[in-house]
């Protein structure tokens, strides 16, 4: 599957956001944001050697930063 890495990132970010009870009141907006964040994550990490980096740690840190930024916007 060509976009497997991106789809995994979208799924992971969505899962993390759900665990954090992230909801702006507009699910379509939230989903678009998660896709955008996953795309950004993949661009930032395009050259990352995942044999020497912990993927879950990095995506969790990234997602939590994005969720905090989003919470600030919708507070």
N, C-alpha and C. Protein backbone atom coordinates (compact mmCIF):
# COMPACT_ATOMS: atom_id res chain seq x y z
N UNK A 1 0.85 -1.17 0.00
CA UNK A 1 0.00 0.00 0.00
C UNK A 1 0.90 1.24 0.00
N UNK A 2 0.65 2.12 -0.93
CA UNK A 2 1.52 3.27 -1.16
C UNK A 2 1.56 4.26 -0.01
N UNK A 3 0.45 4.55 0.60
CA UNK A 3 0.38 5.56 1.65
C UNK A 3 0.30 4.97 3.06
N UNK A 4 0.83 3.79 3.23
CA UNK A 4 0.71 3.11 4.53
C UNK A 4 1.27 3.94 5.68
N UNK A 5 2.44 4.54 5.50
CA UNK A 5 3.03 5.33 6.57
C UNK A 5 2.14 6.50 6.96
N UNK A 6 1.59 7.19 5.97
CA UNK A 6 0.70 8.31 6.25
C UNK A 6 -0.58 7.84 6.94
N UNK A 7 -1.15 6.74 6.47
CA UNK A 7 -2.36 6.21 7.08
C UNK A 7 -2.11 5.79 8.53
N UNK A 8 -0.96 5.21 8.79
CA UNK A 8 -0.62 4.84 10.16
C UNK A 8 -0.49 6.08 11.04
N UNK A 9 0.13 7.12 10.51
CA UNK A 9 0.28 8.36 11.28
C UNK A 9 -1.08 8.98 11.57
N UNK A 10 -1.98 9.00 10.58
CA UNK A 10 -3.33 9.52 10.80
C UNK A 10 -4.03 8.71 11.89
N UNK A 11 -3.92 7.41 11.80
CA UNK A 11 -4.56 6.54 12.80
C UNK A 11 -3.98 6.77 14.18
N UNK A 12 -2.68 6.86 14.29
CA UNK A 12 -2.05 7.07 15.59
C UNK A 12 -2.44 8.41 16.19
N UNK A 13 -2.41 9.46 15.39
CA UNK A 13 -2.77 10.79 15.88
C UNK A 13 -4.25 10.81 16.29
N UNK A 14 -5.10 10.20 15.50
CA UNK A 14 -6.53 10.14 15.83
C UNK A 14 -6.75 9.39 17.15
N UNK A 15 -6.04 8.30 17.33
CA UNK A 15 -6.15 7.51 18.55
C UNK A 15 -5.72 8.33 19.76
N UNK A 16 -4.58 9.01 19.63
CA UNK A 16 -4.07 9.84 20.72
C UNK A 16 -5.06 10.96 21.04
N UNK A 17 -5.57 11.60 20.00
CA UNK A 17 -6.54 12.68 20.19
C UNK A 17 -7.80 12.17 20.90
N UNK A 18 -8.26 10.99 20.51
CA UNK A 18 -9.42 10.40 21.17
C UNK A 18 -9.17 10.12 22.63
N UNK A 19 -7.99 9.61 22.94
CA UNK A 19 -7.64 9.36 24.35
C UNK A 19 -7.59 10.64 25.16
N UNK A 20 -7.27 11.74 24.49
CA UNK A 20 -7.21 13.04 25.16
C UNK A 20 -8.55 13.76 25.14
N UNK A 21 -9.58 13.10 24.61
CA UNK A 21 -10.93 13.66 24.51
C UNK A 21 -10.95 14.97 23.72
N UNK A 22 -10.12 15.01 22.68
CA UNK A 22 -10.04 16.20 21.84
C UNK A 22 -11.25 16.26 20.92
N UNK A 23 -11.99 17.35 21.01
CA UNK A 23 -13.13 17.57 20.12
C UNK A 23 -13.43 19.05 20.08
N UNK A 24 -13.37 19.62 18.90
CA UNK A 24 -13.60 21.07 18.75
C UNK A 24 -15.07 21.40 18.61
N UNK A 25 -15.90 20.38 18.42
CA UNK A 25 -17.31 20.61 18.14
C UNK A 25 -17.64 20.38 16.68
N UNK A 26 -16.61 20.12 15.88
CA UNK A 26 -16.79 19.89 14.45
C UNK A 26 -15.91 18.71 14.04
N UNK A 27 -16.49 17.54 13.94
CA UNK A 27 -15.71 16.33 13.67
C UNK A 27 -15.01 16.37 12.31
N UNK A 28 -15.64 16.98 11.31
CA UNK A 28 -15.00 17.09 9.98
C UNK A 28 -13.75 17.95 10.06
N UNK A 29 -13.81 19.02 10.83
CA UNK A 29 -12.65 19.88 11.03
C UNK A 29 -11.55 19.10 11.74
N UNK A 30 -11.92 18.38 12.80
CA UNK A 30 -10.94 17.61 13.56
C UNK A 30 -10.23 16.59 12.68
N UNK A 31 -10.99 15.86 11.89
CA UNK A 31 -10.40 14.84 11.01
C UNK A 31 -9.45 15.48 10.01
N UNK A 32 -9.86 16.61 9.43
CA UNK A 32 -8.99 17.31 8.49
C UNK A 32 -7.69 17.74 9.18
N UNK A 33 -7.81 18.19 10.44
CA UNK A 33 -6.63 18.56 11.20
C UNK A 33 -5.71 17.36 11.41
N UNK A 34 -6.26 16.22 11.78
CA UNK A 34 -5.43 15.03 12.03
C UNK A 34 -4.70 14.61 10.75
N UNK A 35 -5.37 14.70 9.63
CA UNK A 35 -4.74 14.37 8.35
C UNK A 35 -3.61 15.36 8.06
N UNK A 36 -3.87 16.63 8.30
CA UNK A 36 -2.85 17.65 8.09
C UNK A 36 -1.65 17.43 9.02
N UNK A 37 -1.92 17.14 10.27
CA UNK A 37 -0.84 16.89 11.23
C UNK A 37 -0.03 15.67 10.83
N UNK A 38 -0.70 14.61 10.40
CA UNK A 38 0.01 13.40 9.98
C UNK A 38 0.89 13.68 8.77
N UNK A 39 0.39 14.46 7.84
CA UNK A 39 1.17 14.83 6.66
C UNK A 39 2.41 15.61 7.09
N UNK A 40 2.22 16.56 8.00
CA UNK A 40 3.34 17.35 8.52
C UNK A 40 4.35 16.44 9.21
N UNK A 41 3.87 15.52 10.04
CA UNK A 41 4.75 14.58 10.73
C UNK A 41 5.57 13.78 9.74
N UNK A 42 4.92 13.29 8.69
CA UNK A 42 5.64 12.50 7.68
C UNK A 42 6.67 13.33 6.93
N UNK A 43 6.36 14.58 6.65
CA UNK A 43 7.33 15.45 5.97
C UNK A 43 8.53 15.71 6.88
N UNK A 44 8.26 16.05 8.13
CA UNK A 44 9.34 16.30 9.09
C UNK A 44 10.24 15.09 9.24
N UNK A 45 9.65 13.90 9.21
CA UNK A 45 10.39 12.67 9.48
C UNK A 45 10.69 11.85 8.23
N UNK A 46 10.64 12.48 7.07
CA UNK A 46 10.85 11.73 5.83
C UNK A 46 12.19 11.00 5.79
N UNK A 47 13.21 11.55 6.43
CA UNK A 47 14.54 10.93 6.41
C UNK A 47 14.91 10.28 7.73
N UNK A 48 13.95 10.12 8.61
CA UNK A 48 14.21 9.51 9.92
C UNK A 48 14.51 8.03 9.76
N UNK A 49 15.55 7.60 10.45
CA UNK A 49 15.91 6.18 10.49
C UNK A 49 15.14 5.55 11.66
N UNK A 50 14.05 4.87 11.34
CA UNK A 50 13.19 4.33 12.38
C UNK A 50 13.80 3.14 13.11
N UNK A 51 14.95 2.67 12.65
CA UNK A 51 15.63 1.61 13.41
C UNK A 51 16.39 2.20 14.59
N UNK A 52 16.64 3.53 14.54
CA UNK A 52 17.36 4.17 15.65
C UNK A 52 16.48 5.17 16.41
N UNK A 53 15.27 5.42 15.94
CA UNK A 53 14.34 6.32 16.62
C UNK A 53 13.09 5.56 17.04
N UNK A 54 12.49 6.00 18.11
CA UNK A 54 11.26 5.38 18.61
C UNK A 54 10.05 6.09 18.00
N UNK A 55 9.44 5.45 17.01
CA UNK A 55 8.32 6.04 16.29
C UNK A 55 7.20 6.46 17.23
N UNK A 56 6.77 5.57 18.11
CA UNK A 56 5.63 5.88 18.99
C UNK A 56 5.93 7.07 19.90
N UNK A 57 7.13 7.13 20.42
CA UNK A 57 7.50 8.26 21.27
C UNK A 57 7.44 9.57 20.48
N UNK A 58 7.98 9.58 19.28
CA UNK A 58 7.99 10.80 18.47
C UNK A 58 6.59 11.22 18.04
N UNK A 59 5.76 10.28 17.62
CA UNK A 59 4.42 10.68 17.17
C UNK A 59 3.56 11.10 18.35
N UNK A 60 3.75 10.49 19.51
CA UNK A 60 3.01 10.92 20.70
C UNK A 60 3.42 12.33 21.10
N UNK A 61 4.71 12.62 21.09
CA UNK A 61 5.17 13.97 21.42
C UNK A 61 4.62 14.98 20.42
N UNK A 62 4.68 14.65 19.14
CA UNK A 62 4.18 15.52 18.09
C UNK A 62 2.69 15.77 18.26
N UNK A 63 1.93 14.71 18.47
CA UNK A 63 0.48 14.83 18.61
C UNK A 63 0.11 15.68 19.84
N UNK A 64 0.80 15.48 20.94
CA UNK A 64 0.50 16.26 22.15
C UNK A 64 0.79 17.75 21.94
N UNK A 65 1.85 18.06 21.21
CA UNK A 65 2.13 19.47 20.89
C UNK A 65 0.99 20.04 20.06
N UNK A 66 0.57 19.32 19.03
CA UNK A 66 -0.50 19.80 18.16
C UNK A 66 -1.82 19.93 18.92
N UNK A 67 -2.10 19.00 19.81
CA UNK A 67 -3.34 19.05 20.59
C UNK A 67 -3.32 20.26 21.54
N UNK A 68 -2.18 20.56 22.13
CA UNK A 68 -2.08 21.74 22.99
C UNK A 68 -2.29 23.00 22.19
N UNK A 69 -1.70 23.07 20.99
CA UNK A 69 -1.89 24.23 20.12
C UNK A 69 -3.37 24.38 19.76
N UNK A 70 -4.02 23.28 19.45
CA UNK A 70 -5.44 23.31 19.08
C UNK A 70 -6.29 23.74 20.27
N UNK A 71 -5.98 23.25 21.44
CA UNK A 71 -6.74 23.62 22.63
C UNK A 71 -6.64 25.11 22.90
N UNK A 72 -5.49 25.68 22.63
CA UNK A 72 -5.29 27.12 22.81
C UNK A 72 -6.17 27.89 21.86
N UNK A 73 -6.30 27.42 20.63
CA UNK A 73 -7.11 28.10 19.63
C UNK A 73 -8.59 28.06 19.96
N UNK A 74 -9.04 26.96 20.59
CA UNK A 74 -10.47 26.76 20.83
C UNK A 74 -10.88 26.97 22.28
N UNK A 75 -10.02 27.61 23.05
CA UNK A 75 -10.35 27.89 24.45
C UNK A 75 -11.12 29.17 24.60
